[in-house]
Amino acid sequence: MTTLLDPSSRSLVLAVFSVFVVICLMLCIVTGADDDDRALVRSESRRLRSWQQGIAMGGDTTTVATVTVLVGMVATSGFDGLGVMLGSLIGVMLFLVLIIEPLRRHATLTAADMLDARGSGGPAVRVSWGVVTLLVCFPLLVVQLVVVGNVAAALIGQPGARTGCIVVIGCVMTALAVSGGIRGTGVVMIAKSAVTLPVLVIAAALVLHRFGGDPGRLLDAAAHGTGLDEAYLRPGGYTGEGWVGAVNRIGQLFGMSMATLAMPAVLMRAISTKSPRGARTVGRWMLGELTLLYGALAVVGVGAAALVGGALREAGPAAQVFTPLMLGRALDSGGTLVTAMACVLFLTALAAVVDVTLAAGIALGRDVLGGAGRHAPDAPAGAHASSGRAADGGKGAASRWSAALTGSVAALVAAVTADWNLVVVSTLWLAVCGAGLAPVLLYALHWPGFTARGALWCLWGATGLSVAALALSPYASGTPTSIFPGYDFRVWDVTIPGLVTAPAGFLLGWLGSVTDPRRAAGSGPAAKRHREVDAA
């Protein structure tokens, strides 16, 4: 992969990336919040309009793994890769309809505030929510850093420099998160979207132009280029055949939908919108951006299958992260498009890791470390708000130091685990997010009978089940690509457990709530309180 860019193109990519980083760092310093949690999370709502906030939220949903791994899946597996995009869009629509407006109405700084306000929170729930959020953010950070480290090392023509690239890029992104807060990172997200979206749309247009604007010709060429022929347009290329393939496909669609509506960075930015009504407008801009983006990525992936499918097949699964760059080289031998694609990968990684690092830092600083000092869940909602305002000044610095710690540790872990099968790491954070965080959000917002016990059962039970499902799958043992290839302790062949873990999360939340003795003793007042909060 070291021949993707000639020396002049490599210099251009590094120059553009360096200039962008410097500009973003300056913007973060100028627009960054002070040492106050409320400013860290909410003050930027006075600076960004609804459409700007929506574009930033769309950028939160788009990671470097989306642009590389997802395009690679479409290029090599066809139908199954497109199913991941469909699941993500369904999750965004559910987020827009069910989550964003009531979340903004009840949460002040983090989603745990909403659980307190609606009677299903408390110190234990707040700490548990923060820990599970970290379990979602940390694997996501590791995947992002490893992917961008691999790409950076290949682009500079020094594969042995991967570890250094991971550490340096991780430190730069952590500095941006700590200096800018959500106000500064929102500007970074908008700048990233202003670059990446036009480049991907242009690449998709060039693909269609190469095949005379005929989607049928493009699909036929893709099926032939991958060597799958008609199987390219049928499910099973990635998820497998038989009952295992069916469970994987349904779990992929359902799990991806649930994970998308509960991504911590997206929730963080939704809470920072100007008002509940404005949050809905923000969500529409987010959906519009992602629809256009996924449409372009789908065309780019199919185009890669048609034009470089043979090269991808020969290079093996490890080459999937380079699919956009290989397509750029095939479409433009002069190197301009592949240079632009390289910039897209760097900027996407920069923005995604910055926001995820910030979300993890706020969860660690405010929810985990600050959870012990919160009021019990039966305190009035106004008490939470007033006490939060009083304590914000001290916890802003804690959130910043927590973000710095999280980013630094993630960079070191990414450097150590760079040779692991990162698909299992990606599947882990998606499973935990969809099975642990999403049911708690939906229950707390829409079921008056949901209790703190139900939240704890859901958070910890679904997380444990997700880890166990992957530990007993081929991702962990039994195959040459497993984490432990020399052992075989598989109990099933399912690799995408969303069909099991997500419904289990809802079941645990329901079971914990209906068996809660405190719910039976105070169900009437609790339901009345929910009606009062909803009417406020």
Protein backbone atom coordinates (compact mmCIF):
# COMPACT_ATOMS: atom_id res chain seq x y z
CA MET A 1 0.00 0.00 0.00
CA THR A 2 2.99 2.30 0.06
CA THR A 3 2.51 3.07 -3.66
CA LEU A 4 -0.84 4.75 -3.17
CA LEU A 5 0.77 8.19 -3.10
CA ASP A 6 3.86 9.53 -4.79
CA PRO A 7 6.26 11.68 -2.70
CA SER A 8 4.74 14.98 -3.84
CA SER A 9 1.22 13.81 -3.01
CA ARG A 10 2.37 12.59 0.41
CA SER A 11 3.85 15.99 1.11
CA LEU A 12 0.60 17.66 0.06
CA VAL A 13 -1.49 15.41 2.32
CA LEU A 14 0.77 16.04 5.31
CA ALA A 15 0.79 19.77 4.63
CA VAL A 16 -3.01 19.96 4.36
CA PHE A 17 -3.45 17.87 7.48
CA SER A 18 -0.93 19.94 9.45
CA VAL A 19 -2.56 23.21 8.40
CA PHE A 20 -5.99 21.85 9.34
CA VAL A 21 -4.74 20.75 12.77
CA VAL A 22 -3.17 24.13 13.45
CA ILE A 23 -6.33 25.96 12.39
CA CYS A 24 -8.51 23.66 14.51
CA LEU A 25 -6.24 24.12 17.53
CA MET A 26 -6.47 27.89 17.16
CA LEU A 27 -10.26 27.72 16.82
CA CYS A 28 -10.49 25.48 19.88
CA ILE A 29 -8.41 27.90 21.95
CA VAL A 30 -10.41 30.92 20.79
CA THR A 31 -13.88 29.35 21.08
CA GLY A 32 -13.17 26.88 23.88
CA ALA A 33 -15.10 26.91 27.12
CA ASP A 34 -13.78 27.85 30.51
CA ASP A 35 -13.30 25.47 33.45
CA ASP A 36 -17.01 25.02 34.01
CA ASP A 37 -18.97 21.94 33.07
CA ARG A 38 -22.00 23.96 32.05
CA ALA A 39 -19.86 26.05 29.72
CA LEU A 40 -18.05 22.92 28.59
CA VAL A 41 -21.29 21.32 27.43
CA ARG A 42 -23.92 24.00 26.94
CA SER A 43 -22.50 27.47 26.28
CA GLU A 44 -21.76 26.79 22.64
CA SER A 45 -25.50 26.71 21.94
CA ARG A 46 -25.27 30.51 21.81
CA ARG A 47 -22.63 30.27 19.09
CA LEU A 48 -23.93 27.55 16.71
CA ARG A 49 -27.14 27.74 14.73
CA SER A 50 -29.44 24.74 14.37
CA TRP A 51 -28.12 23.75 10.96
CA GLN A 52 -24.54 24.04 12.21
CA GLN A 53 -25.32 21.88 15.23
CA GLY A 54 -27.04 19.34 12.99
CA ILE A 55 -24.00 19.08 10.73
CA ALA A 56 -21.79 18.64 13.78
CA MET A 57 -24.04 15.85 15.09
CA GLY A 58 -23.94 14.14 11.71
CA GLY A 59 -20.16 14.31 11.94
CA ASP A 60 -20.32 12.61 15.35
CA THR A 61 -22.08 9.64 13.76
CA THR A 62 -19.45 9.40 10.99
CA THR A 63 -16.16 7.88 12.11
CA VAL A 64 -13.06 6.94 10.15
CA ALA A 65 -14.19 3.32 10.44
CA THR A 66 -17.39 4.34 8.66
CA VAL A 67 -15.46 5.72 5.71
CA THR A 68 -12.90 2.89 5.51
CA VAL A 69 -14.27 -0.35 6.94
CA LEU A 70 -17.84 0.28 5.78
CA VAL A 71 -16.77 1.15 2.25
CA GLY A 72 -14.52 -1.92 2.32
CA MET A 73 -17.46 -4.10 3.38
CA VAL A 74 -19.57 -2.81 0.51
CA ALA A 75 -16.68 -3.36 -1.90
CA THR A 76 -16.07 -6.96 -0.83
CA SER A 77 -19.43 -8.16 0.52
CA GLY A 78 -22.00 -6.06 -1.27
CA PHE A 79 -25.45 -6.44 0.24
CA ASP A 80 -24.32 -6.92 3.84
CA GLY A 81 -22.29 -3.71 3.81
CA LEU A 82 -25.31 -1.79 2.56
CA GLY A 83 -27.31 -3.31 5.43
CA VAL A 84 -25.02 -1.62 7.96
CA MET A 85 -25.72 1.76 6.35
CA LEU A 86 -29.47 1.07 6.43
CA GLY A 87 -29.33 0.16 10.11
CA SER A 88 -27.49 3.36 10.93
CA LEU A 89 -30.06 5.50 9.09
CA ILE A 90 -32.91 3.73 10.89
CA GLY A 91 -31.17 4.50 14.18
CA VAL A 92 -30.88 8.18 13.26
CA MET A 93 -34.60 8.34 12.44
CA LEU A 94 -35.47 6.67 15.75
CA PHE A 95 -33.18 9.11 17.53
CA LEU A 96 -34.96 12.02 15.85
CA VAL A 97 -38.47 10.74 16.66
CA LEU A 98 -37.98 9.23 20.13
CA ILE A 99 -34.89 10.65 21.81
CA ILE A 100 -33.57 14.06 20.87
CA GLU A 101 -36.40 16.38 21.98
CA PRO A 102 -37.29 14.78 25.37
CA LEU A 103 -33.60 14.21 26.12
CA ARG A 104 -32.86 17.90 25.61
CA ARG A 105 -35.87 18.81 27.77
CA HIS A 106 -34.78 16.77 30.81
CA ALA A 107 -30.98 16.51 30.65
CA THR A 108 -28.83 19.41 31.78
CA LEU A 109 -25.27 18.17 31.22
CA THR A 110 -25.30 14.40 30.65
CA ALA A 111 -27.93 11.74 29.96
CA ALA A 112 -27.65 10.63 33.60
CA ASP A 113 -29.28 13.95 34.58
CA MET A 114 -32.36 12.87 32.64
CA LEU A 115 -32.48 9.59 34.57
CA ASP A 116 -32.39 11.56 37.83
CA ALA A 117 -35.10 13.96 36.69
CA ARG A 118 -37.45 11.14 35.66
CA GLY A 119 -37.11 9.07 38.82
CA SER A 120 -34.96 6.21 37.55
CA GLY A 121 -31.56 7.61 38.55
CA GLY A 122 -29.43 8.01 41.64
CA PRO A 123 -25.73 7.83 42.49
CA ALA A 124 -25.40 4.13 41.61
CA VAL A 125 -27.18 4.58 38.29
CA ARG A 126 -25.13 7.66 37.45
CA VAL A 127 -21.85 5.86 38.10
CA SER A 128 -23.05 2.79 36.18
CA TRP A 129 -24.13 4.91 33.22
CA GLY A 130 -20.74 6.61 33.20
CA VAL A 131 -18.82 3.33 33.36
CA VAL A 132 -20.83 1.74 30.52
CA THR A 133 -20.36 4.93 28.49
CA LEU A 134 -16.62 4.55 28.94
CA LEU A 135 -16.88 0.91 27.84
CA VAL A 136 -18.50 2.17 24.64
CA CYS A 137 -16.16 5.11 24.02
CA PHE A 138 -12.86 3.41 24.75
CA PRO A 139 -13.05 0.60 22.14
CA LEU A 140 -14.32 3.15 19.62
CA LEU A 141 -11.30 5.35 20.29
CA VAL A 142 -8.92 2.41 19.93
CA VAL A 143 -10.42 1.40 16.56
CA GLN A 144 -10.25 4.95 15.23
CA LEU A 145 -6.63 5.41 16.24
CA VAL A 146 -5.49 2.07 14.83
CA VAL A 147 -7.19 2.69 11.48
CA VAL A 148 -5.80 6.18 11.08
CA GLY A 149 -2.37 5.00 12.28
CA ASN A 150 -2.29 2.29 9.61
CA VAL A 151 -3.36 4.76 6.93
CA ALA A 152 -0.83 7.39 8.06
CA ALA A 153 2.06 4.92 8.08
CA ALA A 154 1.16 3.68 4.61
CA LEU A 155 0.80 7.18 3.21
CA ILE A 156 4.21 8.32 4.41
CA GLY A 157 5.72 5.12 3.03
CA GLN A 158 6.96 3.87 6.41
CA PRO A 159 4.83 0.92 7.67
CA GLY A 160 7.15 0.54 10.64
CA ALA A 161 6.17 4.00 11.85
CA ARG A 162 2.61 2.91 12.66
CA THR A 163 3.08 2.97 16.43
CA GLY A 164 4.54 6.46 16.32
CA CYS A 165 1.71 7.66 14.09
CA ILE A 166 -0.90 6.27 16.49
CA VAL A 167 0.67 7.92 19.53
CA VAL A 168 1.28 11.30 17.86
CA ILE A 169 -2.18 11.52 16.29
CA GLY A 170 -3.79 10.40 19.56
CA CYS A 171 -1.99 13.12 21.51
CA VAL A 172 -2.95 15.80 18.95
CA MET A 173 -6.60 14.82 19.05
CA THR A 174 -6.64 14.68 22.84
CA ALA A 175 -5.18 18.20 22.97
CA LEU A 176 -7.95 19.44 20.69
CA ALA A 177 -10.65 17.86 22.87
CA VAL A 178 -9.22 19.27 26.10
CA SER A 179 -8.63 22.78 24.76
CA GLY A 180 -11.89 23.22 22.86
CA GLY A 181 -14.68 21.56 24.79
CA ILE A 182 -17.86 20.87 22.87
CA ARG A 183 -17.99 24.46 21.61
CA GLY A 184 -14.60 24.20 19.94
CA THR A 185 -15.07 20.63 18.75
CA GLY A 186 -18.35 21.65 17.13
CA VAL A 187 -16.39 24.04 14.91
CA VAL A 188 -13.98 21.19 14.09
CA MET A 189 -16.91 18.94 13.15
CA ILE A 190 -18.37 21.55 10.81
CA ALA A 191 -15.00 22.13 9.14
CA LYS A 192 -14.54 18.39 8.71
CA SER A 193 -17.98 17.97 7.13
CA ALA A 194 -17.32 20.91 4.80
CA VAL A 195 -14.32 19.00 3.42
CA THR A 196 -15.34 15.34 3.56
CA LEU A 197 -18.88 15.50 2.22
CA PRO A 198 -18.03 17.32 -1.06
CA VAL A 199 -15.04 15.02 -1.69
CA LEU A 200 -17.13 11.88 -1.23
CA VAL A 201 -19.97 13.23 -3.38
CA ILE A 202 -17.48 14.11 -6.13
CA ALA A 203 -15.96 10.62 -5.91
CA ALA A 204 -19.43 9.07 -6.20
CA ALA A 205 -20.21 11.28 -9.20
CA LEU A 206 -16.97 10.22 -10.89
CA VAL A 207 -17.85 6.56 -10.32
CA LEU A 208 -21.26 7.01 -11.92
CA HIS A 209 -19.69 8.96 -14.79
CA ARG A 210 -17.21 6.13 -15.40
CA PHE A 211 -20.17 3.82 -16.03
CA GLY A 212 -22.21 6.27 -18.07
CA GLY A 213 -24.57 7.11 -15.21
CA ASP A 214 -26.11 3.62 -15.42
CA PRO A 215 -26.48 1.98 -11.96
CA GLY A 216 -27.18 -1.37 -13.61
CA ARG A 217 -23.82 -1.36 -15.39
CA LEU A 218 -22.12 -0.34 -12.17
CA LEU A 219 -23.66 -3.20 -10.17
CA ASP A 220 -22.86 -5.74 -12.89
CA ALA A 221 -19.25 -4.57 -12.96
CA ALA A 222 -19.07 -4.73 -9.16
CA ALA A 223 -20.42 -8.28 -9.08
CA HIS A 224 -17.86 -9.31 -11.71
CA GLY A 225 -14.99 -7.39 -10.09
CA THR A 226 -15.39 -9.07 -6.71
CA GLY A 227 -15.66 -12.55 -8.23
CA LEU A 228 -18.94 -13.09 -6.36
CA ASP A 229 -21.14 -12.63 -9.43
CA GLU A 230 -24.83 -12.75 -8.44
CA ALA A 231 -23.93 -13.49 -4.81
CA TYR A 232 -22.68 -9.89 -4.52
CA LEU A 233 -26.28 -8.66 -4.63
CA ARG A 234 -27.55 -11.24 -2.12
CA PRO A 235 -27.12 -11.33 1.67
CA GLY A 236 -24.55 -13.63 3.20
CA GLY A 237 -21.26 -12.36 1.83
CA TYR A 238 -20.19 -11.05 5.25
CA THR A 239 -22.79 -12.41 7.67
CA GLY A 240 -22.74 -16.02 6.48
CA GLU A 241 -25.35 -18.52 5.35
CA GLY A 242 -28.04 -20.55 7.08
CA TRP A 243 -29.48 -19.76 10.48
CA VAL A 244 -26.22 -18.21 11.67
CA GLY A 245 -26.26 -15.80 8.74
CA ALA A 246 -29.89 -14.90 9.41
CA VAL A 247 -29.16 -14.18 13.09
CA ASN A 248 -26.13 -12.11 12.09
CA ARG A 249 -28.07 -10.07 9.52
CA ILE A 250 -31.01 -9.31 11.78
CA GLY A 251 -28.66 -8.60 14.65
CA GLN A 252 -26.63 -6.32 12.42
CA LEU A 253 -29.67 -4.25 11.43
CA PHE A 254 -31.29 -4.17 14.87
CA GLY A 255 -28.07 -3.72 16.83
CA MET A 256 -26.79 -0.97 14.54
CA SER A 257 -30.08 0.90 14.86
CA MET A 258 -30.03 0.74 18.66
CA ALA A 259 -26.35 1.66 18.88
CA THR A 260 -26.75 4.70 16.62
CA LEU A 261 -29.51 6.25 18.71
CA ALA A 262 -27.42 5.97 21.90
CA MET A 263 -23.91 6.98 20.76
CA PRO A 264 -22.42 8.99 23.67
CA ALA A 265 -20.92 11.75 21.49
CA VAL A 266 -24.25 12.27 19.71
CA LEU A 267 -26.14 12.39 23.03
CA MET A 268 -23.62 14.90 24.37
CA ARG A 269 -24.17 17.20 21.42
CA ALA A 270 -27.97 16.78 21.50
CA ILE A 271 -28.01 17.98 25.12
CA SER A 272 -26.11 21.11 24.07
CA THR A 273 -28.76 22.27 21.58
CA LYS A 274 -30.59 25.53 22.23
CA SER A 275 -34.03 24.16 23.11
CA PRO A 276 -36.19 21.01 22.82
CA ARG A 277 -37.92 22.42 19.73
CA GLY A 278 -34.59 23.45 18.25
CA ALA A 279 -33.26 19.95 18.92
CA ARG A 280 -35.78 18.53 16.45
CA THR A 281 -34.56 20.94 13.77
CA VAL A 282 -31.01 19.91 14.54
CA GLY A 283 -32.00 16.27 14.08
CA ARG A 284 -33.45 16.97 10.63
CA TRP A 285 -30.18 18.52 9.47
CA MET A 286 -28.34 15.52 10.90
CA LEU A 287 -30.57 13.08 9.02
CA GLY A 288 -30.20 15.01 5.77
CA GLU A 289 -26.42 15.07 6.01
CA LEU A 290 -26.16 11.37 6.79
CA THR A 291 -28.56 10.38 4.02
CA LEU A 292 -26.40 12.21 1.49
CA LEU A 293 -23.20 10.86 3.04
CA TYR A 294 -24.31 7.21 3.12
CA GLY A 295 -25.60 7.47 -0.42
CA ALA A 296 -22.17 8.68 -1.55
CA LEU A 297 -20.39 6.00 0.50
CA ALA A 298 -22.59 3.28 -1.03
CA VAL A 299 -21.71 4.41 -4.55
CA VAL A 300 -18.02 4.68 -3.61
CA GLY A 301 -18.06 1.16 -2.18
CA VAL A 302 -19.78 -0.36 -5.20
CA GLY A 303 -17.41 1.59 -7.46
CA ALA A 304 -14.44 0.17 -5.59
CA ALA A 305 -15.80 -3.33 -6.13
CA ALA A 306 -16.12 -2.64 -9.86
CA LEU A 307 -12.75 -0.96 -10.38
CA VAL A 308 -10.38 -2.47 -7.80
CA GLY A 309 -12.29 -5.56 -6.64
CA GLY A 310 -9.59 -7.91 -7.88
CA ALA A 311 -6.83 -6.02 -6.07
CA LEU A 312 -8.86 -6.00 -2.84
CA ARG A 313 -9.46 -9.73 -3.12
CA GLU A 314 -5.75 -10.41 -3.57
CA ALA A 315 -4.67 -8.06 -0.76
CA GLY A 316 -6.98 -9.67 1.80
CA PRO A 317 -9.15 -8.26 4.62
CA ALA A 318 -6.37 -6.00 5.96
CA ALA A 319 -6.55 -3.93 2.76
CA GLN A 320 -10.18 -2.90 3.31
CA VAL A 321 -9.16 0.21 5.23
CA PHE A 322 -7.38 1.44 2.10
CA THR A 323 -10.41 0.95 -0.19
CA PRO A 324 -11.21 4.69 -0.61
CA LEU A 325 -7.57 5.40 -1.48
CA MET A 326 -7.40 2.54 -3.97
CA LEU A 327 -10.57 3.80 -5.64
CA GLY A 328 -9.13 7.32 -5.79
CA ARG A 329 -6.05 5.98 -7.56
CA ALA A 330 -8.22 4.06 -10.05
CA LEU A 331 -10.39 7.10 -10.83
CA ASP A 332 -7.56 9.65 -11.07
CA SER A 333 -4.08 8.45 -11.92
CA GLY A 334 -2.75 11.97 -11.40
CA GLY A 335 -3.12 11.58 -7.64
CA THR A 336 -5.42 14.54 -6.91
CA LEU A 337 -8.41 12.42 -5.88
CA VAL A 338 -6.40 9.97 -3.79
CA THR A 339 -4.81 12.95 -2.03
CA ALA A 340 -8.26 14.36 -1.32
CA MET A 341 -9.42 10.95 -0.06
CA ALA A 342 -6.41 10.74 2.25
CA CYS A 343 -7.29 14.15 3.67
CA VAL A 344 -10.86 12.94 4.20
CA LEU A 345 -9.62 9.98 6.25
CA PHE A 346 -7.36 12.13 8.40
CA LEU A 347 -9.97 14.82 9.02
CA THR A 348 -12.69 12.27 9.79
CA ALA A 349 -10.44 10.55 12.30
CA LEU A 350 -9.45 13.87 13.84
CA ALA A 351 -13.02 15.06 14.37
CA ALA A 352 -14.44 11.70 15.49
CA VAL A 353 -11.74 10.97 18.06
CA VAL A 354 -11.89 14.51 19.42
CA ASP A 355 -15.62 14.29 20.16
CA VAL A 356 -15.52 10.73 21.49
CA THR A 357 -12.61 11.68 23.77
CA LEU A 358 -14.58 14.64 25.07
CA ALA A 359 -17.70 12.52 25.66
CA ALA A 360 -15.62 9.93 27.54
CA GLY A 361 -13.97 12.65 29.61
CA ILE A 362 -17.30 14.19 30.63
CA ALA A 363 -18.67 10.74 31.52
CA LEU A 364 -15.62 9.96 33.66
CA GLY A 365 -15.36 13.39 35.28
CA ARG A 366 -19.02 14.13 35.92
CA ASP A 367 -20.80 10.77 36.13
CA VAL A 368 -18.19 8.31 37.44
CA LEU A 369 -16.03 10.53 39.66
CA GLY A 370 -18.84 12.92 40.56
CA GLY A 371 -21.62 10.34 40.96
CA ALA A 372 -21.12 9.79 44.69
CA GLY A 373 -22.01 13.41 45.46
CA ARG A 374 -25.38 13.41 43.70
CA HIS A 375 -28.78 13.54 45.35
CA ALA A 376 -30.95 10.48 45.61
CA PRO A 377 -33.40 9.91 42.77
CA ASP A 378 -36.44 10.89 44.82
CA ALA A 379 -35.22 14.48 45.21
CA PRO A 380 -37.08 17.14 43.21
CA ALA A 381 -35.83 17.75 39.71
CA GLY A 382 -35.08 21.37 40.57
CA ALA A 383 -32.74 20.25 43.33
CA HIS A 384 -30.64 18.39 40.80
CA ALA A 385 -30.40 21.42 38.58
CA SER A 386 -29.47 23.80 41.37
CA SER A 387 -26.94 21.44 42.89
CA GLY A 388 -25.48 20.80 39.42
CA ARG A 389 -25.05 24.53 38.87
CA ALA A 390 -23.35 24.90 42.22
CA ALA A 391 -20.91 22.09 41.58
CA ASP A 392 -20.18 22.72 37.90
CA GLY A 393 -17.27 24.99 38.48
CA GLY A 394 -15.23 22.30 40.22
CA LYS A 395 -16.06 19.51 37.81
CA GLY A 396 -15.19 21.26 34.58
CA ALA A 397 -11.49 20.81 35.29
CA ALA A 398 -12.15 17.18 36.27
CA SER A 399 -13.83 16.55 32.92
CA ARG A 400 -10.90 18.08 31.05
CA TRP A 401 -8.32 16.05 32.96
CA SER A 402 -10.49 12.96 32.47
CA ALA A 403 -10.59 13.58 28.70
CA ALA A 404 -6.80 13.96 28.65
CA LEU A 405 -6.37 10.72 30.60
CA THR A 406 -8.82 8.81 28.41
CA GLY A 407 -7.24 9.97 25.16
CA SER A 408 -3.71 9.22 26.33
CA VAL A 409 -4.56 5.73 27.56
CA ALA A 410 -6.51 4.99 24.36
CA ALA A 411 -3.48 5.96 22.26
CA LEU A 412 -1.22 3.62 24.24
CA VAL A 413 -3.72 0.74 24.08
CA ALA A 414 -4.19 1.28 20.35
CA ALA A 415 -0.43 1.09 19.82
CA VAL A 416 -0.25 -2.22 21.71
CA THR A 417 -3.33 -3.84 20.11
CA ALA A 418 -2.80 -2.60 16.55
CA ASP A 419 -2.36 -6.16 15.25
CA TRP A 420 -5.56 -7.48 16.82
CA ASN A 421 -8.71 -8.31 14.91
CA LEU A 422 -10.38 -4.91 15.26
CA VAL A 423 -13.72 -6.20 14.01
CA VAL A 424 -14.32 -7.75 17.41
CA VAL A 425 -13.49 -4.43 19.11
CA SER A 426 -15.96 -2.59 16.86
CA THR A 427 -18.61 -5.23 17.47
CA LEU A 428 -18.06 -4.91 21.23
CA TRP A 429 -18.78 -1.19 21.46
CA LEU A 430 -21.77 -1.51 19.12
CA ALA A 431 -23.21 -4.38 21.17
CA VAL A 432 -22.75 -2.64 24.53
CA CYS A 433 -24.15 0.65 23.22
CA GLY A 434 -27.20 -0.97 21.62
CA ALA A 435 -27.99 -3.37 24.46
CA GLY A 436 -26.98 -1.33 27.52
CA LEU A 437 -27.45 2.38 26.83
CA ALA A 438 -30.30 2.41 24.28
CA PRO A 439 -32.91 0.48 26.36
CA VAL A 440 -32.23 2.65 29.41
CA LEU A 441 -32.72 5.81 27.35
CA LEU A 442 -35.95 4.61 25.77
CA TYR A 443 -37.43 3.27 29.00
CA ALA A 444 -36.52 6.36 31.04
CA LEU A 445 -38.06 8.69 28.47
CA HIS A 446 -41.20 6.74 27.60
CA TRP A 447 -42.10 4.35 30.45
CA PRO A 448 -43.24 5.90 33.76
CA GLY A 449 -42.74 2.57 35.57
CA PHE A 450 -39.01 2.39 34.87
CA THR A 451 -36.93 2.37 38.07
CA ALA A 452 -33.32 2.67 39.16
CA ARG A 453 -33.18 -1.08 39.68
CA GLY A 454 -34.30 -1.66 36.10
CA ALA A 455 -31.62 0.74 34.88
CA LEU A 456 -28.90 -1.09 36.82
CA TRP A 457 -30.04 -4.50 35.63
CA CYS A 458 -30.11 -3.29 32.05
CA LEU A 459 -26.75 -1.51 32.15
CA TRP A 460 -24.74 -4.26 33.82
CA GLY A 461 -26.67 -7.31 32.63
CA ALA A 462 -26.66 -6.30 28.96
CA THR A 463 -22.99 -5.31 29.13
CA GLY A 464 -22.00 -8.63 30.66
CA LEU A 465 -24.08 -10.55 28.15
CA SER A 466 -22.51 -8.64 25.23
CA VAL A 467 -18.99 -9.41 26.45
CA ALA A 468 -19.88 -13.08 27.00
CA ALA A 469 -21.52 -13.40 23.57
CA LEU A 470 -18.37 -12.18 21.83
CA ALA A 471 -16.01 -14.12 24.12
CA LEU A 472 -17.78 -17.35 23.15
CA SER A 473 -17.89 -16.55 19.43
CA PRO A 474 -15.36 -17.21 16.63
CA TYR A 475 -13.99 -13.71 17.21
CA ALA A 476 -12.28 -14.92 20.40
CA SER A 477 -11.18 -18.45 19.50
CA GLY A 478 -11.36 -21.28 17.04
CA THR A 479 -10.29 -19.58 13.78
CA PRO A 480 -6.98 -18.28 12.39
CA THR A 481 -8.22 -14.68 12.69
CA SER A 482 -9.41 -15.04 16.30
CA ILE A 483 -7.80 -13.21 19.18
CA PHE A 484 -6.70 -16.61 20.56
CA PRO A 485 -6.29 -18.75 17.44
CA GLY A 486 -4.63 -21.59 19.33
CA TYR A 487 -7.70 -22.26 21.48
CA ASP A 488 -11.29 -23.17 20.74
CA PHE A 489 -13.89 -22.41 23.40
CA ARG A 490 -16.68 -21.34 21.05
CA VAL A 491 -20.25 -22.21 21.96
CA TRP A 492 -21.89 -20.62 18.90
CA ASP A 493 -20.88 -19.27 15.50
CA VAL A 494 -22.82 -16.00 15.67
CA THR A 495 -20.49 -13.00 15.34
CA ILE A 496 -23.05 -10.17 15.47
CA PRO A 497 -25.11 -10.80 18.63
CA GLY A 498 -27.46 -7.81 18.41
CA LEU A 499 -30.54 -10.01 17.93
CA VAL A 500 -29.84 -11.55 21.36
CA THR A 501 -28.20 -8.77 23.37
CA ALA A 502 -30.48 -5.83 22.51
CA PRO A 503 -33.79 -7.61 23.34
CA ALA A 504 -32.10 -9.00 26.47
CA GLY A 505 -31.31 -5.43 27.53
CA PHE A 506 -34.97 -4.43 27.20
CA LEU A 507 -36.05 -7.58 29.06
CA LEU A 508 -33.64 -6.95 31.92
CA GLY A 509 -34.78 -3.33 32.23
CA TRP A 510 -38.43 -4.41 32.38
CA LEU A 511 -37.80 -7.30 34.77
CA GLY A 512 -35.73 -5.21 37.14
CA SER A 513 -38.42 -2.52 37.25
CA VAL A 514 -41.47 -4.73 37.75
CA THR A 515 -39.73 -6.68 40.54
CA ASP A 516 -38.54 -3.53 42.33
CA PRO A 517 -40.23 -3.41 45.78
CA ARG A 518 -39.99 0.39 45.86
CA ARG A 519 -41.99 0.60 42.63
CA ALA A 520 -44.90 -1.29 44.17
CA ALA A 521 -44.83 0.98 47.21
CA GLY A 522 -44.69 4.26 45.27
CA SER A 523 -46.03 3.58 41.80
CA GLY A 524 -48.76 6.19 42.06
CA PRO A 525 -46.52 9.11 43.05
CA ALA A 526 -43.86 8.02 40.56
CA ALA A 527 -46.31 8.08 37.68
CA LYS A 528 -47.63 11.46 38.85
CA ARG A 529 -44.10 12.82 38.96
CA HIS A 530 -43.48 11.67 35.37
CA ARG A 531 -46.62 13.50 34.24
CA GLU A 532 -45.53 16.64 36.08
CA VAL A 533 -42.04 16.50 34.56
CA ASP A 534 -43.43 15.91 31.07
CA ALA A 535 -45.83 18.83 31.42
CA ALA A 536 -43.14 21.22 32.68
